[in-house]
Amino acid sequence: MAQMMYVRGIREPLHSPPVLVEKWVHEVLEPDQLSTAKRRFGRAKLTRGTVLLLWGLRIYVLLMIFLIGVQIWNALRA
């Protein structure tokens, strides 16, 4: 199955085999721009204090959204 590649200045897509598209991508991008060249770090291990802080921030944001919604509701009813 051919991949579609768009080239600047040309309106219709170019149909190229996947091998050519992959080769073109490797020629155009620098080595550190390729996703295969990047290291994967995974999820960070958070301390208990950091997890509690993040949950506190989530609750704070939800509370503020609720309070702002109530204020807007009251302003529209008045």
PDB file of N, CA and C in Angstrom:
ATOM      1  N   MET A   1       0.843  -1.167   0.000  1.00  0.00           N
ATOM      2  CA  MET A   1       0.000   0.000   0.000  1.00  0.00           C
ATOM      3  C   MET A   1       0.892   1.234   0.000  1.00  0.00           C
ATOM      4  N   ALA A   2       0.621   2.165  -0.862  1.00  0.00           N
ATOM      5  CA  ALA A   2       1.451   3.350  -1.003  1.00  0.00           C
ATOM      6  C   ALA A   2       1.092   4.412   0.027  1.00  0.00           C
ATOM      7  N   GLN A   3       2.105   5.101   0.522  1.00  0.00           N
ATOM      8  CA  GLN A   3       1.911   6.216   1.436  1.00  0.00           C
ATOM      9  C   GLN A   3       1.716   7.483   0.618  1.00  0.00           C
ATOM     10  N   MET A   4       0.923   8.424   1.150  1.00  0.00           N
ATOM     11  CA  MET A   4       0.750   9.691   0.459  1.00  0.00           C
ATOM     12  C   MET A   4       1.690  10.702   1.085  1.00  0.00           C
ATOM     13  N   MET A   5       2.391  11.436   0.230  1.00  0.00           N
ATOM     14  CA  MET A   5       3.340  12.427   0.680  1.00  0.00           C
ATOM     15  C   MET A   5       2.982  13.745   0.006  1.00  0.00           C
ATOM     16  N   TYR A   6       2.901  14.828   0.780  1.00  0.00           N
ATOM     17  CA  TYR A   6       2.594  16.126   0.208  1.00  0.00           C
ATOM     18  C   TYR A   6       3.875  16.934   0.073  1.00  0.00           C
ATOM     19  N   VAL A   7       4.051  17.560  -1.076  1.00  0.00           N
ATOM     20  CA  VAL A   7       5.226  18.364  -1.340  1.00  0.00           C
ATOM     21  C   VAL A   7       4.782  19.804  -1.505  1.00  0.00           C
ATOM     22  N   ARG A   8       5.541  20.720  -0.934  1.00  0.00           N
ATOM     23  CA  ARG A   8       5.199  22.131  -1.017  1.00  0.00           C
ATOM     24  C   ARG A   8       5.143  22.573  -2.476  1.00  0.00           C
ATOM     25  N   GLY A   9       4.071  23.272  -2.838  1.00  0.00           N
ATOM     26  CA  GLY A   9       3.924  23.784  -4.192  1.00  0.00           C
ATOM     27  C   GLY A   9       3.159  22.850  -5.112  1.00  0.00           C
ATOM     28  N   ILE A  10       2.919  21.627  -4.693  1.00  0.00           N
ATOM     29  CA  ILE A  10       2.170  20.670  -5.508  1.00  0.00           C
ATOM     30  C   ILE A  10       0.858  20.380  -4.803  1.00  0.00           C
ATOM     31  N   ARG A  11      -0.245  20.519  -5.536  1.00  0.00           N
ATOM     32  CA  ARG A  11      -1.566  20.385  -4.925  1.00  0.00           C
ATOM     33  C   ARG A  11      -1.970  18.931  -4.674  1.00  0.00           C
ATOM     34  N   GLU A  12      -1.671  18.032  -5.578  1.00  0.00           N
ATOM     35  CA  GLU A  12      -2.111  16.650  -5.409  1.00  0.00           C
ATOM     36  C   GLU A  12      -1.053  15.843  -4.658  1.00  0.00           C
ATOM     37  N   PRO A  13      -1.486  14.832  -3.933  1.00  0.00           N
ATOM     38  CA  PRO A  13      -0.528  14.026  -3.167  1.00  0.00           C
ATOM     39  C   PRO A  13       0.315  13.147  -4.085  1.00  0.00           C
ATOM     40  N   LEU A  14       1.528  12.903  -3.663  1.00  0.00           N
ATOM     41  CA  LEU A  14       2.414  11.983  -4.373  1.00  0.00           C
ATOM     42  C   LEU A  14       2.292  10.612  -3.725  1.00  0.00           C
ATOM     43  N   HIS A  15       2.139   9.597  -4.522  1.00  0.00           N
ATOM     44  CA  HIS A  15       2.030   8.238  -4.001  1.00  0.00           C
ATOM     45  C   HIS A  15       3.406   7.579  -4.100  1.00  0.00           C
ATOM     46  N   SER A  16       3.935   7.214  -2.948  1.00  0.00           N
ATOM     47  CA  SER A  16       5.264   6.599  -2.891  1.00  0.00           C
ATOM     48  C   SER A  16       5.194   5.342  -2.059  1.00  0.00           C
ATOM     49  N   PRO A  17       6.010   4.360  -2.389  1.00  0.00           N
ATOM     50  CA  PRO A  17       6.054   3.161  -1.552  1.00  0.00           C
ATOM     51  C   PRO A  17       6.612   3.509  -0.168  1.00  0.00           C
ATOM     52  N   PRO A  18       6.200   2.786   0.863  1.00  0.00           N
ATOM     53  CA  PRO A  18       6.651   3.088   2.232  1.00  0.00           C
ATOM     54  C   PRO A  18       8.163   3.100   2.407  1.00  0.00           C
ATOM     55  N   VAL A  19       8.862   2.293   1.633  1.00  0.00           N
ATOM     56  CA  VAL A  19      10.320   2.236   1.763  1.00  0.00           C
ATOM     57  C   VAL A  19      10.933   3.575   1.353  1.00  0.00           C
ATOM     58  N   LEU A  20      10.416   4.163   0.273  1.00  0.00           N
ATOM     59  CA  LEU A  20      10.929   5.453  -0.178  1.00  0.00           C
ATOM     60  C   LEU A  20      10.589   6.556   0.804  1.00  0.00           C
ATOM     61  N   VAL A  21       9.404   6.497   1.373  1.00  0.00           N
ATOM     62  CA  VAL A  21       8.995   7.506   2.340  1.00  0.00           C
ATOM     63  C   VAL A  21       9.886   7.432   3.573  1.00  0.00           C
ATOM     64  N   GLU A  22      10.132   6.229   4.061  1.00  0.00           N
ATOM     65  CA  GLU A  22      10.982   6.055   5.235  1.00  0.00           C
ATOM     66  C   GLU A  22      12.405   6.531   4.956  1.00  0.00           C
ATOM     67  N   LYS A  23      12.919   6.227   3.783  1.00  0.00           N
ATOM     68  CA  LYS A  23      14.261   6.658   3.414  1.00  0.00           C
ATOM     69  C   LYS A  23      14.324   8.174   3.344  1.00  0.00           C
ATOM     70  N   TRP A  24      13.276   8.802   2.778  1.00  0.00           N
ATOM     71  CA  TRP A  24      13.217  10.254   2.658  1.00  0.00           C
ATOM     72  C   TRP A  24      13.194  10.903   4.045  1.00  0.00           C
ATOM     73  N   VAL A  25      12.424  10.329   4.957  1.00  0.00           N
ATOM     74  CA  VAL A  25      12.342  10.878   6.312  1.00  0.00           C
ATOM     75  C   VAL A  25      13.699  10.799   6.992  1.00  0.00           C
ATOM     76  N   HIS A  26      14.401   9.681   6.842  1.00  0.00           N
ATOM     77  CA  HIS A  26      15.712   9.519   7.467  1.00  0.00           C
ATOM     78  C   HIS A  26      16.743  10.465   6.855  1.00  0.00           C
ATOM     79  N   GLU A  27      16.607  10.802   5.577  1.00  0.00           N
ATOM     80  CA  GLU A  27      17.533  11.729   4.944  1.00  0.00           C
ATOM     81  C   GLU A  27      17.275  13.166   5.375  1.00  0.00           C
ATOM     82  N   VAL A  28      16.020  13.524   5.588  1.00  0.00           N
ATOM     83  CA  VAL A  28      15.658  14.908   5.884  1.00  0.00           C
ATOM     84  C   VAL A  28      15.898  15.253   7.346  1.00  0.00           C
ATOM     85  N   LEU A  29      15.559  14.345   8.254  1.00  0.00           N
ATOM     86  CA  LEU A  29      15.661  14.641   9.678  1.00  0.00           C
ATOM     87  C   LEU A  29      17.057  14.372  10.222  1.00  0.00           C
ATOM     88  N   GLU A  30      17.414  15.161  11.218  1.00  0.00           N
ATOM     89  CA  GLU A  30      18.660  14.926  11.935  1.00  0.00           C
ATOM     90  C   GLU A  30      18.486  13.666  12.797  1.00  0.00           C
ATOM     91  N   PRO A  31      19.566  13.006  13.179  1.00  0.00           N
ATOM     92  CA  PRO A  31      19.438  11.777  13.969  1.00  0.00           C
ATOM     93  C   PRO A  31      18.682  11.955  15.280  1.00  0.00           C
ATOM     94  N   ASP A  32      18.873  13.105  15.961  1.00  0.00           N
ATOM     95  CA  ASP A  32      18.182  13.284  17.238  1.00  0.00           C
ATOM     96  C   ASP A  32      16.720  13.674  17.074  1.00  0.00           C
ATOM     97  N   GLN A  33      16.268  13.952  15.855  1.00  0.00           N
ATOM     98  CA  GLN A  33      14.870  14.272  15.614  1.00  0.00           C
ATOM     99  C   GLN A  33      14.015  13.028  15.382  1.00  0.00           C
ATOM    100  N   LEU A  34      14.615  11.915  15.121  1.00  0.00           N
ATOM    101  CA  LEU A  34      13.875  10.684  14.880  1.00  0.00           C
ATOM    102  C   LEU A  34      13.382  10.116  16.202  1.00  0.00           C
ATOM    103  N   SER A  35      12.138   9.699  16.237  1.00  0.00           N
ATOM    104  CA  SER A  35      11.584   9.177  17.486  1.00  0.00           C
ATOM    105  C   SER A  35      12.261   7.873  17.901  1.00  0.00           C
ATOM    106  N   THR A  36      12.778   7.133  16.947  1.00  0.00           N
ATOM    107  CA  THR A  36      13.454   5.884  17.303  1.00  0.00           C
ATOM    108  C   THR A  36      14.791   6.147  17.973  1.00  0.00           C
ATOM    109  N   ALA A  37      15.376   7.324  17.746  1.00  0.00           N
ATOM    110  CA  ALA A  37      16.670   7.637  18.336  1.00  0.00           C
ATOM    111  C   ALA A  37      16.526   8.195  19.748  1.00  0.00           C
ATOM    112  N   LYS A  38      15.332   8.565  20.146  1.00  0.00           N
ATOM    113  CA  LYS A  38      15.140   9.166  21.459  1.00  0.00           C
ATOM    114  C   LYS A  38      15.020   8.094  22.529  1.00  0.00           C
ATOM    115  N   ARG A  39      15.575   8.387  23.690  1.00  0.00           N
ATOM    116  CA  ARG A  39      15.492   7.451  24.804  1.00  0.00           C
ATOM    117  C   ARG A  39      14.150   7.599  25.491  1.00  0.00           C
ATOM    118  N   ARG A  40      13.604   6.514  25.932  1.00  0.00           N
ATOM    119  CA  ARG A  40      12.347   6.518  26.670  1.00  0.00           C
ATOM    120  C   ARG A  40      12.663   6.455  28.151  1.00  0.00           C
ATOM    121  N   PHE A  41      12.082   7.362  28.916  1.00  0.00           N
ATOM    122  CA  PHE A  41      12.354   7.405  30.336  1.00  0.00           C
ATOM    123  C   PHE A  41      11.246   6.781  31.165  1.00  0.00           C
ATOM    124  N   GLY A  42      10.043   6.689  30.622  1.00  0.00           N
ATOM    125  CA  GLY A  42       8.931   6.133  31.376  1.00  0.00           C
ATOM    126  C   GLY A  42       8.398   7.128  32.385  1.00  0.00           C
ATOM    127  N   ARG A  43       7.567   6.648  33.284  1.00  0.00           N
ATOM    128  CA  ARG A  43       6.977   7.506  34.295  1.00  0.00           C
ATOM    129  C   ARG A  43       7.960   7.750  35.433  1.00  0.00           C
ATOM    130  N   ALA A  44       7.896   8.959  35.974  1.00  0.00           N
ATOM    131  CA  ALA A  44       8.751   9.296  37.109  1.00  0.00           C
ATOM    132  C   ALA A  44       8.148   8.720  38.383  1.00  0.00           C
ATOM    133  N   LYS A  45       9.002   8.314  39.274  1.00  0.00           N
ATOM    134  CA  LYS A  45       8.548   7.825  40.582  1.00  0.00           C
ATOM    135  C   LYS A  45       8.356   9.035  41.489  1.00  0.00           C
ATOM    136  N   LEU A  46       7.106   9.297  41.875  1.00  0.00           N
ATOM    137  CA  LEU A  46       6.802  10.457  42.694  1.00  0.00           C
ATOM    138  C   LEU A  46       6.754  10.071  44.165  1.00  0.00           C
ATOM    139  N   THR A  47       7.196  10.999  44.995  1.00  0.00           N
ATOM    140  CA  THR A  47       7.134  10.749  46.428  1.00  0.00           C
ATOM    141  C   THR A  47       5.692  10.917  46.904  1.00  0.00           C
ATOM    142  N   ARG A  48       5.420  10.436  48.096  1.00  0.00           N
ATOM    143  CA  ARG A  48       4.071  10.530  48.659  1.00  0.00           C
ATOM    144  C   ARG A  48       3.628  11.989  48.789  1.00  0.00           C
ATOM    145  N   GLY A  49       4.553  12.868  49.182  1.00  0.00           N
ATOM    146  CA  GLY A  49       4.243  14.292  49.314  1.00  0.00           C
ATOM    147  C   GLY A  49       3.869  14.929  47.982  1.00  0.00           C
ATOM    148  N   THR A  50       4.574  14.552  46.925  1.00  0.00           N
ATOM    149  CA  THR A  50       4.285  15.098  45.598  1.00  0.00           C
ATOM    150  C   THR A  50       2.929  14.630  45.106  1.00  0.00           C
ATOM    151  N   VAL A  51       2.607  13.362  45.336  1.00  0.00           N
ATOM    152  CA  VAL A  51       1.308  12.821  44.927  1.00  0.00           C
ATOM    153  C   VAL A  51       0.190  13.545  45.677  1.00  0.00           C
ATOM    154  N   LEU A  52       0.374  13.757  46.990  1.00  0.00           N
ATOM    155  CA  LEU A  52      -0.633  14.485  47.770  1.00  0.00           C
ATOM    156  C   LEU A  52      -0.776  15.921  47.283  1.00  0.00           C
ATOM    157  N   LEU A  53       0.331  16.557  46.950  1.00  0.00           N
ATOM    158  CA  LEU A  53       0.289  17.913  46.421  1.00  0.00           C
ATOM    159  C   LEU A  53      -0.485  17.969  45.104  1.00  0.00           C
ATOM    160  N   LEU A  54      -0.234  17.032  44.208  1.00  0.00           N
ATOM    161  CA  LEU A  54      -0.935  17.002  42.924  1.00  0.00           C
ATOM    162  C   LEU A  54      -2.437  16.761  43.115  1.00  0.00           C
ATOM    163  N   TRP A  55      -2.808  15.862  44.035  1.00  0.00           N
ATOM    164  CA  TRP A  55      -4.227  15.632  44.303  1.00  0.00           C
ATOM    165  C   TRP A  55      -4.865  16.875  44.924  1.00  0.00           C
ATOM    166  N   GLY A  56      -4.128  17.563  45.781  1.00  0.00           N
ATOM    167  CA  GLY A  56      -4.637  18.809  46.348  1.00  0.00           C
ATOM    168  C   GLY A  56      -4.876  19.857  45.279  1.00  0.00           C
ATOM    169  N   LEU A  57      -3.960  19.951  44.325  1.00  0.00           N
ATOM    170  CA  LEU A  57      -4.138  20.898  43.219  1.00  0.00           C
ATOM    171  C   LEU A  57      -5.339  20.526  42.357  1.00  0.00           C
ATOM    172  N   ARG A  58      -5.542  19.240  42.118  1.00  0.00           N
ATOM    173  CA  ARG A  58      -6.705  18.803  41.337  1.00  0.00           C
ATOM    174  C   ARG A  58      -8.005  19.192  42.031  1.00  0.00           C
ATOM    175  N   ILE A  59      -8.060  18.942  43.334  1.00  0.00           N
ATOM    176  CA  ILE A  59      -9.263  19.278  44.097  1.00  0.00           C
ATOM    177  C   ILE A  59      -9.474  20.794  44.099  1.00  0.00           C
ATOM    178  N   TYR A  60      -8.389  21.559  44.250  1.00  0.00           N
ATOM    179  CA  TYR A  60      -8.471  23.019  44.227  1.00  0.00           C
ATOM    180  C   TYR A  60      -9.017  23.510  42.893  1.00  0.00           C
ATOM    181  N   VAL A  61      -8.528  22.978  41.799  1.00  0.00           N
ATOM    182  CA  VAL A  61      -8.995  23.400  40.474  1.00  0.00           C
ATOM    183  C   VAL A  61     -10.474  23.079  40.304  1.00  0.00           C
ATOM    184  N   LEU A  62     -10.897  21.883  40.714  1.00  0.00           N
ATOM    185  CA  LEU A  62     -12.316  21.528  40.596  1.00  0.00           C
ATOM    186  C   LEU A  62     -13.181  22.443  41.466  1.00  0.00           C
ATOM    187  N   LEU A  63     -12.718  22.766  42.660  1.00  0.00           N
ATOM    188  CA  LEU A  63     -13.456  23.669  43.536  1.00  0.00           C
ATOM    189  C   LEU A  63     -13.564  25.058  42.914  1.00  0.00           C
ATOM    190  N   MET A  64     -12.484  25.554  42.341  1.00  0.00           N
ATOM    191  CA  MET A  64     -12.507  26.875  41.709  1.00  0.00           C
ATOM    192  C   MET A  64     -13.426  26.888  40.490  1.00  0.00           C
ATOM    193  N   ILE A  65     -13.434  25.818  39.712  1.00  0.00           N
ATOM    194  CA  ILE A  65     -14.344  25.737  38.562  1.00  0.00           C
ATOM    195  C   ILE A  65     -15.788  25.791  39.042  1.00  0.00           C
ATOM    196  N   PHE A  66     -16.080  25.069  40.121  1.00  0.00           N
ATOM    197  CA  PHE A  66     -17.431  25.081  40.674  1.00  0.00           C
ATOM    198  C   PHE A  66     -17.797  26.474  41.171  1.00  0.00           C
ATOM    199  N   LEU A  67     -16.906  27.124  41.921  1.00  0.00           N
ATOM    200  CA  LEU A  67     -17.199  28.452  42.452  1.00  0.00           C
ATOM    201  C   LEU A  67     -17.369  29.491  41.351  1.00  0.00           C
ATOM    202  N   ILE A  68     -16.566  29.425  40.324  1.00  0.00           N
ATOM    203  CA  ILE A  68     -16.709  30.353  39.198  1.00  0.00           C
ATOM    204  C   ILE A  68     -18.028  30.100  38.479  1.00  0.00           C
ATOM    205  N   GLY A  69     -18.389  28.826  38.321  1.00  0.00           N
ATOM    206  CA  GLY A  69     -19.676  28.504  37.705  1.00  0.00           C
ATOM    207  C   GLY A  69     -20.841  29.070  38.502  1.00  0.00           C
ATOM    208  N   VAL A  70     -20.777  28.965  39.840  1.00  0.00           N
ATOM    209  CA  VAL A  70     -21.832  29.518  40.695  1.00  0.00           C
ATOM    210  C   VAL A  70     -21.894  31.032  40.544  1.00  0.00           C
ATOM    211  N   GLN A  71     -20.758  31.693  40.499  1.00  0.00           N
ATOM    212  CA  GLN A  71     -20.735  33.149  40.349  1.00  0.00           C
ATOM    213  C   GLN A  71     -21.315  33.579  38.998  1.00  0.00           C
ATOM    214  N   ILE A  72     -20.973  32.843  37.950  1.00  0.00           N
ATOM    215  CA  ILE A  72     -21.545  33.155  36.625  1.00  0.00           C
ATOM    216  C   ILE A  72     -23.049  32.929  36.653  1.00  0.00           C
ATOM    217  N   TRP A  73     -23.501  31.834  37.261  1.00  0.00           N
ATOM    218  CA  TRP A  73     -24.934  31.534  37.356  1.00  0.00           C
ATOM    219  C   TRP A  73     -25.664  32.657  38.105  1.00  0.00           C
ATOM    220  N   ASN A  74     -25.100  33.115  39.212  1.00  0.00           N
ATOM    221  CA  ASN A  74     -25.710  34.186  39.987  1.00  0.00           C
ATOM    222  C   ASN A  74     -25.714  35.504  39.216  1.00  0.00           C
ATOM    223  N   ALA A  75     -24.649  35.787  38.465  1.00  0.00           N
ATOM    224  CA  ALA A  75     -24.591  37.017  37.694  1.00  0.00           C
ATOM    225  C   ALA A  75     -25.607  37.015  36.553  1.00  0.00           C
ATOM    226  N   LEU A  76     -25.843  35.855  35.960  1.00  0.00           N
ATOM    227  CA  LEU A  76     -26.808  35.793  34.846  1.00  0.00           C
ATOM    228  C   LEU A  76     -28.248  35.857  35.358  1.00  0.00           C
ATOM    229  N   ARG A  77     -28.498  35.381  36.556  1.00  0.00           N
ATOM    230  CA  ARG A  77     -29.864  35.408  37.107  1.00  0.00           C
ATOM    231  C   ARG A  77     -30.243  36.793  37.616  1.00  0.00           C
ATOM    232  N   ALA A  78     -29.283  37.616  38.023  1.00  0.00           N
ATOM    233  CA  ALA A  78     -29.585  38.916  38.615  1.00  0.00           C
ATOM    234  C   ALA A  78     -30.010  39.950  37.589  1.00  0.00           C
TER     235      ALA A  78
END
